[in-house]
């Protein structure tokens, strides 16, 4: 697993007992609980995580959400760089036998988690059905976050169109995308978005609607959808 690359995602939900059946139906996942955390498996392979939103965040009415994880060589160094470049550190901690993590918000407020360690597996694939296949950042002003991500991850943002950028790591590999979207279309928040591969978008769309999920938008070969919380959103894409 290469450093400074998105590699994992998990879901914060108010009610695991209501949410888990949705994803098991849509993606064929099976969840197993250890302590207060649920790991989703596709066959014998880990694919994502899930946990119940802490009570204090429920009281704040924080929405259900999918979180992007990015592997780093050193959490402390990344935190220091993030603070110097205008980021906000929401939390950081070390778990014995697991590794170090920190939740960071970029200068426009988009949150992501960094991880240092070898116990959390890389679950992002290129084209495997029912797995995480991509991560991208949606912001209202790309110029305000370019120095931040260049500084903490050594990324290079290469403009493709007026509103889209490729994210390249220091080896020149394409690891993510950034889209500039005005608030009237994306809402007032800035955020990282996960894309999951499916065998057929049309079939998956029908299954999502059957399980009380929602369709936000349709874009070429992918859909932006919500789960049955009608808050946690993600893309599905035919692979």
C-alpha atoms as a PDB file:
ATOM      1  CA  UNK A   1       0.000   0.000   0.000  1.00  0.00           C
ATOM      2  CA  UNK A   2       1.555   3.316  -1.070  1.00  0.00           C
ATOM      3  CA  UNK A   3       1.607   6.289   1.272  1.00  0.00           C
ATOM      4  CA  UNK A   4      -0.433   9.400   0.484  1.00  0.00           C
ATOM      5  CA  UNK A   5      -3.099   7.354  -1.299  1.00  0.00           C
ATOM      6  CA  UNK A   6      -6.789   6.827  -0.439  1.00  0.00           C
ATOM      7  CA  UNK A   7      -7.217   3.183   0.509  1.00  0.00           C
ATOM      8  CA  UNK A   8     -10.216   2.591   2.780  1.00  0.00           C
ATOM      9  CA  UNK A   9     -13.613   3.990   3.762  1.00  0.00           C
ATOM     10  CA  UNK A  10     -16.038   3.573   6.614  1.00  0.00           C
ATOM     11  CA  UNK A  11     -19.531   4.735   7.438  1.00  0.00           C
ATOM     12  CA  UNK A  12     -20.788   6.664  10.458  1.00  0.00           C
ATOM     13  CA  UNK A  13     -24.467   5.846  11.026  1.00  0.00           C
ATOM     14  CA  UNK A  14     -26.963   6.534  13.789  1.00  0.00           C
ATOM     15  CA  UNK A  15     -28.428   3.044  13.643  1.00  0.00           C
ATOM     16  CA  UNK A  16     -26.249   0.111  12.513  1.00  0.00           C
ATOM     17  CA  UNK A  17     -29.182  -2.280  12.903  1.00  0.00           C
ATOM     18  CA  UNK A  18     -31.106  -0.318  10.249  1.00  0.00           C
ATOM     19  CA  UNK A  19     -28.158   0.516   7.993  1.00  0.00           C
ATOM     20  CA  UNK A  20     -26.386  -2.844   7.743  1.00  0.00           C
ATOM     21  CA  UNK A  21     -29.209  -4.677   5.898  1.00  0.00           C
ATOM     22  CA  UNK A  22     -29.196  -1.947   3.228  1.00  0.00           C
ATOM     23  CA  UNK A  23     -25.545  -2.474   2.292  1.00  0.00           C
ATOM     24  CA  UNK A  24     -25.732  -6.244   2.634  1.00  0.00           C
ATOM     25  CA  UNK A  25     -28.576  -6.179   0.095  1.00  0.00           C
ATOM     26  CA  UNK A  26     -26.986  -3.700  -2.340  1.00  0.00           C
ATOM     27  CA  UNK A  27     -23.398  -4.959  -2.316  1.00  0.00           C
ATOM     28  CA  UNK A  28     -23.673  -8.475  -0.918  1.00  0.00           C
ATOM     29  CA  UNK A  29     -21.510  -7.565   2.081  1.00  0.00           C
ATOM     30  CA  UNK A  30     -21.546  -9.433   5.389  1.00  0.00           C
ATOM     31  CA  UNK A  31     -20.773  -7.496   8.567  1.00  0.00           C
ATOM     32  CA  UNK A  32     -18.914  -8.808  11.598  1.00  0.00           C
ATOM     33  CA  UNK A  33     -18.688  -6.863  14.855  1.00  0.00           C
ATOM     34  CA  UNK A  34     -15.577  -6.521  16.995  1.00  0.00           C
ATOM     35  CA  UNK A  35     -15.964  -4.309  20.060  1.00  0.00           C
ATOM     36  CA  UNK A  36     -17.977  -1.332  18.772  1.00  0.00           C
ATOM     37  CA  UNK A  37     -16.840  -1.539  15.153  1.00  0.00           C
ATOM     38  CA  UNK A  38     -18.316  -3.478  12.242  1.00  0.00           C
ATOM     39  CA  UNK A  39     -16.141  -4.691   9.375  1.00  0.00           C
ATOM     40  CA  UNK A  40     -17.843  -5.558   6.087  1.00  0.00           C
ATOM     41  CA  UNK A  41     -16.599  -8.550   4.109  1.00  0.00           C
ATOM     42  CA  UNK A  42     -17.152  -9.602   0.514  1.00  0.00           C
ATOM     43  CA  UNK A  43     -16.441 -13.301   0.705  1.00  0.00           C
ATOM     44  CA  UNK A  44     -13.207 -13.526   2.691  1.00  0.00           C
ATOM     45  CA  UNK A  45     -12.056  -9.999   1.874  1.00  0.00           C
ATOM     46  CA  UNK A  46     -12.532  -6.905   3.998  1.00  0.00           C
ATOM     47  CA  UNK A  47     -14.188  -4.131   2.024  1.00  0.00           C
ATOM     48  CA  UNK A  48     -15.270  -1.343   4.401  1.00  0.00           C
ATOM     49  CA  UNK A  49     -16.123  -0.446   7.976  1.00  0.00           C
ATOM     50  CA  UNK A  50     -19.104   0.883   9.899  1.00  0.00           C
ATOM     51  CA  UNK A  51     -19.686   2.310  13.365  1.00  0.00           C
ATOM     52  CA  UNK A  52     -22.454   3.975  15.314  1.00  0.00           C
ATOM     53  CA  UNK A  53     -22.199   7.756  15.428  1.00  0.00           C
ATOM     54  CA  UNK A  54     -21.133   8.828  18.951  1.00  0.00           C
ATOM     55  CA  UNK A  55     -23.939  10.332  21.009  1.00  0.00           C
ATOM     56  CA  UNK A  56     -22.367  13.805  21.224  1.00  0.00           C
ATOM     57  CA  UNK A  57     -22.361  14.015  17.425  1.00  0.00           C
ATOM     58  CA  UNK A  58     -25.941  12.796  17.270  1.00  0.00           C
ATOM     59  CA  UNK A  59     -26.893  15.658  19.581  1.00  0.00           C
ATOM     60  CA  UNK A  60     -25.142  18.028  17.160  1.00  0.00           C
ATOM     61  CA  UNK A  61     -27.178  16.465  14.304  1.00  0.00           C
ATOM     62  CA  UNK A  62     -24.061  15.539  12.363  1.00  0.00           C
ATOM     63  CA  UNK A  63     -25.304  13.636   9.303  1.00  0.00           C
ATOM     64  CA  UNK A  64     -24.601  10.010   8.449  1.00  0.00           C
ATOM     65  CA  UNK A  65     -21.500  10.000   6.233  1.00  0.00           C
ATOM     66  CA  UNK A  66     -18.867   7.969   4.401  1.00  0.00           C
ATOM     67  CA  UNK A  67     -15.278   8.784   5.410  1.00  0.00           C
ATOM     68  CA  UNK A  68     -12.244   8.542   3.112  1.00  0.00           C
ATOM     69  CA  UNK A  69      -8.998   7.201   4.646  1.00  0.00           C
ATOM     70  CA  UNK A  70      -5.557   8.148   3.325  1.00  0.00           C
ATOM     71  CA  UNK A  71      -2.412   6.189   4.213  1.00  0.00           C
ATOM     72  CA  UNK A  72       0.540   8.230   5.497  1.00  0.00           C
ATOM     73  CA  UNK A  73       4.072   7.451   6.630  1.00  0.00           C
ATOM     74  CA  UNK A  74       3.816   9.535   9.794  1.00  0.00           C
ATOM     75  CA  UNK A  75       0.634  10.873  11.382  1.00  0.00           C
ATOM     76  CA  UNK A  76       2.425  13.401  13.607  1.00  0.00           C
ATOM     77  CA  UNK A  77       4.311  14.954  10.693  1.00  0.00           C
ATOM     78  CA  UNK A  78       1.155  15.104   8.573  1.00  0.00           C
ATOM     79  CA  UNK A  79      -0.753  16.793  11.413  1.00  0.00           C
ATOM     80  CA  UNK A  80       1.990  19.391  11.802  1.00  0.00           C
ATOM     81  CA  UNK A  81       1.961  20.140   8.080  1.00  0.00           C
ATOM     82  CA  UNK A  82      -1.835  20.332   8.021  1.00  0.00           C
ATOM     83  CA  UNK A  83      -1.915  22.834  10.872  1.00  0.00           C
ATOM     84  CA  UNK A  84       0.716  25.021   9.228  1.00  0.00           C
ATOM     85  CA  UNK A  85      -1.287  25.025   5.986  1.00  0.00           C
ATOM     86  CA  UNK A  86      -4.642  25.990   7.512  1.00  0.00           C
ATOM     87  CA  UNK A  87      -6.144  22.596   8.276  1.00  0.00           C
ATOM     88  CA  UNK A  88      -8.100  21.730  11.419  1.00  0.00           C
ATOM     89  CA  UNK A  89      -7.335  18.609  13.474  1.00  0.00           C
ATOM     90  CA  UNK A  90     -10.630  17.266  14.780  1.00  0.00           C
ATOM     91  CA  UNK A  91      -9.067  14.340  16.659  1.00  0.00           C
ATOM     92  CA  UNK A  92      -6.030  12.106  16.743  1.00  0.00           C
ATOM     93  CA  UNK A  93      -5.277   8.949  18.686  1.00  0.00           C
ATOM     94  CA  UNK A  94      -3.272   5.738  18.752  1.00  0.00           C
ATOM     95  CA  UNK A  95      -4.789   2.280  19.206  1.00  0.00           C
ATOM     96  CA  UNK A  96      -2.536  -0.486  20.492  1.00  0.00           C
ATOM     97  CA  UNK A  97      -2.159  -3.179  17.861  1.00  0.00           C
ATOM     98  CA  UNK A  98      -3.917  -1.102  15.225  1.00  0.00           C
ATOM     99  CA  UNK A  99      -2.069   2.093  14.425  1.00  0.00           C
ATOM    100  CA  UNK A 100      -2.371   5.874  14.558  1.00  0.00           C
ATOM    101  CA  UNK A 101      -5.213   7.897  13.059  1.00  0.00           C
ATOM    102  CA  UNK A 102      -6.266  11.521  12.813  1.00  0.00           C
ATOM    103  CA  UNK A 103      -9.344  13.263  11.437  1.00  0.00           C
ATOM    104  CA  UNK A 104      -8.399  16.401   9.534  1.00  0.00           C
ATOM    105  CA  UNK A 105     -10.407  19.114   7.804  1.00  0.00           C
ATOM    106  CA  UNK A 106      -8.852  20.985   4.912  1.00  0.00           C
ATOM    107  CA  UNK A 107      -9.008  24.814   4.727  1.00  0.00           C
ATOM    108  CA  UNK A 108     -12.474  24.667   3.169  1.00  0.00           C
ATOM    109  CA  UNK A 109     -13.803  22.131   5.683  1.00  0.00           C
ATOM    110  CA  UNK A 110     -13.717  18.797   3.842  1.00  0.00           C
ATOM    111  CA  UNK A 111     -12.908  16.022   6.303  1.00  0.00           C
ATOM    112  CA  UNK A 112     -10.783  12.917   5.816  1.00  0.00           C
ATOM    113  CA  UNK A 113      -8.907  10.459   8.027  1.00  0.00           C
ATOM    114  CA  UNK A 114      -5.190   9.709   7.852  1.00  0.00           C
ATOM    115  CA  UNK A 115      -3.770   6.373   9.014  1.00  0.00           C
ATOM    116  CA  UNK A 116      -0.281   5.211   9.977  1.00  0.00           C
ATOM    117  CA  UNK A 117       0.182   1.474  10.419  1.00  0.00           C
ATOM    118  CA  UNK A 118      -0.122  -1.904   8.744  1.00  0.00           C
ATOM    119  CA  UNK A 119      -3.248  -3.391  10.315  1.00  0.00           C
ATOM    120  CA  UNK A 120      -5.886  -1.603   8.250  1.00  0.00           C
ATOM    121  CA  UNK A 121      -5.946  -3.225   4.835  1.00  0.00           C
ATOM    122  CA  UNK A 122      -6.108  -1.547   1.461  1.00  0.00           C
ATOM    123  CA  UNK A 123      -9.662  -2.242   0.274  1.00  0.00           C
ATOM    124  CA  UNK A 124      -9.737   0.033  -2.798  1.00  0.00           C
ATOM    125  CA  UNK A 125      -9.620  -1.892  -6.066  1.00  0.00           C
ATOM    126  CA  UNK A 126      -9.500  -0.796  -9.683  1.00  0.00           C
ATOM    127  CA  UNK A 127     -12.471  -2.707 -11.039  1.00  0.00           C
ATOM    128  CA  UNK A 128     -13.859  -5.253  -8.570  1.00  0.00           C
ATOM    129  CA  UNK A 129     -17.630  -5.301  -8.164  1.00  0.00           C
ATOM    130  CA  UNK A 130     -19.032  -4.223  -4.787  1.00  0.00           C
ATOM    131  CA  UNK A 131     -15.806  -2.638  -3.567  1.00  0.00           C
ATOM    132  CA  UNK A 132     -14.472   0.884  -3.141  1.00  0.00           C
ATOM    133  CA  UNK A 133     -13.011   1.883  -6.512  1.00  0.00           C
ATOM    134  CA  UNK A 134     -12.403   5.643  -6.259  1.00  0.00           C
ATOM    135  CA  UNK A 135     -12.317   8.735  -4.045  1.00  0.00           C
ATOM    136  CA  UNK A 136     -12.750  12.353  -5.031  1.00  0.00           C
ATOM    137  CA  UNK A 137     -13.016  15.750  -3.411  1.00  0.00           C
ATOM    138  CA  UNK A 138     -15.860  18.183  -4.107  1.00  0.00           C
ATOM    139  CA  UNK A 139     -15.092  21.817  -3.257  1.00  0.00           C
ATOM    140  CA  UNK A 140     -16.389  25.240  -4.181  1.00  0.00           C
ATOM    141  CA  UNK A 141     -12.923  26.758  -4.774  1.00  0.00           C
ATOM    142  CA  UNK A 142     -10.069  24.474  -5.822  1.00  0.00           C
ATOM    143  CA  UNK A 143      -7.425  27.199  -5.595  1.00  0.00           C
ATOM    144  CA  UNK A 144      -7.959  27.477  -1.836  1.00  0.00           C
ATOM    145  CA  UNK A 145      -7.027  23.858  -1.189  1.00  0.00           C
ATOM    146  CA  UNK A 146      -4.232  23.190  -3.714  1.00  0.00           C
ATOM    147  CA  UNK A 147      -1.371  24.362  -1.419  1.00  0.00           C
ATOM    148  CA  UNK A 148      -2.802  22.310   1.456  1.00  0.00           C
ATOM    149  CA  UNK A 149      -2.912  18.965  -0.341  1.00  0.00           C
ATOM    150  CA  UNK A 150       0.363  19.595  -2.136  1.00  0.00           C
ATOM    151  CA  UNK A 151       1.966  20.345   1.208  1.00  0.00           C
ATOM    152  CA  UNK A 152       0.707  17.431   3.286  1.00  0.00           C
ATOM    153  CA  UNK A 153       0.650  14.648   0.667  1.00  0.00           C
ATOM    154  CA  UNK A 154       3.074  15.898  -1.995  1.00  0.00           C
ATOM    155  CA  UNK A 155       0.235  15.718  -4.513  1.00  0.00           C
ATOM    156  CA  UNK A 156       0.094  17.563  -7.810  1.00  0.00           C
ATOM    157  CA  UNK A 157      -3.284  18.763  -9.060  1.00  0.00           C
ATOM    158  CA  UNK A 158      -3.476  18.844 -12.840  1.00  0.00           C
ATOM    159  CA  UNK A 159      -6.418  20.670 -14.392  1.00  0.00           C
ATOM    160  CA  UNK A 160      -8.357  18.612 -16.932  1.00  0.00           C
ATOM    161  CA  UNK A 161     -11.330  20.875 -17.588  1.00  0.00           C
ATOM    162  CA  UNK A 162     -12.432  24.179 -16.094  1.00  0.00           C
ATOM    163  CA  UNK A 163     -13.963  22.378 -13.110  1.00  0.00           C
ATOM    164  CA  UNK A 164     -12.003  19.125 -12.744  1.00  0.00           C
ATOM    165  CA  UNK A 165      -8.502  18.170 -11.662  1.00  0.00           C
ATOM    166  CA  UNK A 166      -6.518  14.954 -11.560  1.00  0.00           C
ATOM    167  CA  UNK A 167      -4.622  14.270  -8.341  1.00  0.00           C
ATOM    168  CA  UNK A 168      -1.179  12.771  -9.008  1.00  0.00           C
ATOM    169  CA  UNK A 169       1.131  11.409  -6.327  1.00  0.00           C
ATOM    170  CA  UNK A 170       4.883  12.039  -6.354  1.00  0.00           C
ATOM    171  CA  UNK A 171       5.387   9.036  -8.663  1.00  0.00           C
ATOM    172  CA  UNK A 172       2.908  10.551 -11.121  1.00  0.00           C
ATOM    173  CA  UNK A 173       0.139   8.012 -10.466  1.00  0.00           C
ATOM    174  CA  UNK A 174      -3.475   9.166 -10.677  1.00  0.00           C
ATOM    175  CA  UNK A 175      -4.837   8.569  -7.149  1.00  0.00           C
ATOM    176  CA  UNK A 176      -7.938  10.796  -6.848  1.00  0.00           C
ATOM    177  CA  UNK A 177      -9.893  13.623  -8.456  1.00  0.00           C
ATOM    178  CA  UNK A 178     -11.027  17.062  -7.373  1.00  0.00           C
ATOM    179  CA  UNK A 179     -14.193  18.635  -8.734  1.00  0.00           C
ATOM    180  CA  UNK A 180     -15.062  22.302  -8.331  1.00  0.00           C
ATOM    181  CA  UNK A 181     -18.822  22.552  -7.827  1.00  0.00           C
ATOM    182  CA  UNK A 182     -20.693  25.670  -6.840  1.00  0.00           C
ATOM    183  CA  UNK A 183     -22.683  25.551  -3.612  1.00  0.00           C
ATOM    184  CA  UNK A 184     -26.002  25.983  -5.414  1.00  0.00           C
ATOM    185  CA  UNK A 185     -25.475  22.483  -6.807  1.00  0.00           C
ATOM    186  CA  UNK A 186     -23.546  20.628  -4.105  1.00  0.00           C
ATOM    187  CA  UNK A 187     -24.854  22.376  -0.972  1.00  0.00           C
ATOM    188  CA  UNK A 188     -22.827  24.462   1.462  1.00  0.00           C
ATOM    189  CA  UNK A 189     -20.451  21.719   2.599  1.00  0.00           C
ATOM    190  CA  UNK A 190     -17.125  20.585   1.108  1.00  0.00           C
ATOM    191  CA  UNK A 191     -16.542  16.831   1.156  1.00  0.00           C
ATOM    192  CA  UNK A 192     -14.711  13.726   0.011  1.00  0.00           C
ATOM    193  CA  UNK A 193     -16.896  11.225  -1.856  1.00  0.00           C
ATOM    194  CA  UNK A 194     -16.487   7.445  -2.238  1.00  0.00           C
ATOM    195  CA  UNK A 195     -17.321   5.490  -5.402  1.00  0.00           C
ATOM    196  CA  UNK A 196     -18.254   1.804  -5.261  1.00  0.00           C
ATOM    197  CA  UNK A 197     -18.194  -0.469  -8.282  1.00  0.00           C
ATOM    198  CA  UNK A 198     -21.248  -2.503  -9.276  1.00  0.00           C
ATOM    199  CA  UNK A 199     -21.977  -5.013 -12.004  1.00  0.00           C
ATOM    200  CA  UNK A 200     -24.794  -2.929 -13.456  1.00  0.00           C
ATOM    201  CA  UNK A 201     -25.834   0.579 -12.414  1.00  0.00           C
ATOM    202  CA  UNK A 202     -29.444   0.124 -13.535  1.00  0.00           C
ATOM    203  CA  UNK A 203     -29.911  -2.998 -11.421  1.00  0.00           C
ATOM    204  CA  UNK A 204     -28.189  -1.388  -8.437  1.00  0.00           C
ATOM    205  CA  UNK A 205     -30.389   1.707  -8.790  1.00  0.00           C
ATOM    206  CA  UNK A 206     -33.514  -0.443  -8.582  1.00  0.00           C
ATOM    207  CA  UNK A 207     -32.199  -2.239  -5.496  1.00  0.00           C
ATOM    208  CA  UNK A 208     -31.328   1.054  -3.801  1.00  0.00           C
ATOM    209  CA  UNK A 209     -34.822   2.435  -4.356  1.00  0.00           C
ATOM    210  CA  UNK A 210     -36.388  -0.822  -3.148  1.00  0.00           C
ATOM    211  CA  UNK A 211     -34.484  -0.452   0.138  1.00  0.00           C
ATOM    212  CA  UNK A 212     -35.517   3.205   0.656  1.00  0.00           C
ATOM    213  CA  UNK A 213     -32.326   4.774  -0.663  1.00  0.00           C
ATOM    214  CA  UNK A 214     -32.409   7.790  -2.940  1.00  0.00           C
ATOM    215  CA  UNK A 215     -31.004   9.039  -6.242  1.00  0.00           C
ATOM    216  CA  UNK A 216     -29.323  12.456  -6.137  1.00  0.00           C
ATOM    217  CA  UNK A 217     -28.017  12.695  -9.687  1.00  0.00           C
ATOM    218  CA  UNK A 218     -27.160  10.626 -12.755  1.00  0.00           C
ATOM    219  CA  UNK A 219     -23.817  11.290 -14.454  1.00  0.00           C
ATOM    220  CA  UNK A 220     -22.854   9.327 -17.550  1.00  0.00           C
ATOM    221  CA  UNK A 221     -21.884   5.862 -16.250  1.00  0.00           C
ATOM    222  CA  UNK A 222     -22.415   6.539 -12.547  1.00  0.00           C
ATOM    223  CA  UNK A 223     -25.056   7.629 -10.038  1.00  0.00           C
ATOM    224  CA  UNK A 224     -24.794   9.711  -6.879  1.00  0.00           C
ATOM    225  CA  UNK A 225     -27.072   8.025  -4.361  1.00  0.00           C
ATOM    226  CA  UNK A 226     -27.979   7.926  -0.677  1.00  0.00           C
ATOM    227  CA  UNK A 227     -28.532   4.939   1.560  1.00  0.00           C
ATOM    228  CA  UNK A 228     -31.706   4.478   3.608  1.00  0.00           C
ATOM    229  CA  UNK A 229     -30.683   7.241   6.020  1.00  0.00           C
ATOM    230  CA  UNK A 230     -31.169   9.638   3.073  1.00  0.00           C
ATOM    231  CA  UNK A 231     -28.015  11.395   4.308  1.00  0.00           C
ATOM    232  CA  UNK A 232     -24.985   9.181   3.661  1.00  0.00           C
ATOM    233  CA  UNK A 233     -24.194   9.605  -0.030  1.00  0.00           C
ATOM    234  CA  UNK A 234     -21.846   7.798  -2.401  1.00  0.00           C
ATOM    235  CA  UNK A 235     -21.392   7.038  -6.090  1.00  0.00           C
ATOM    236  CA  UNK A 236     -22.035   3.724  -7.786  1.00  0.00           C
ATOM    237  CA  UNK A 237     -20.326   2.990 -11.076  1.00  0.00           C
ATOM    238  CA  UNK A 238     -20.417   0.060 -13.494  1.00  0.00           C
ATOM    239  CA  UNK A 239     -17.093  -1.799 -13.493  1.00  0.00           C
END
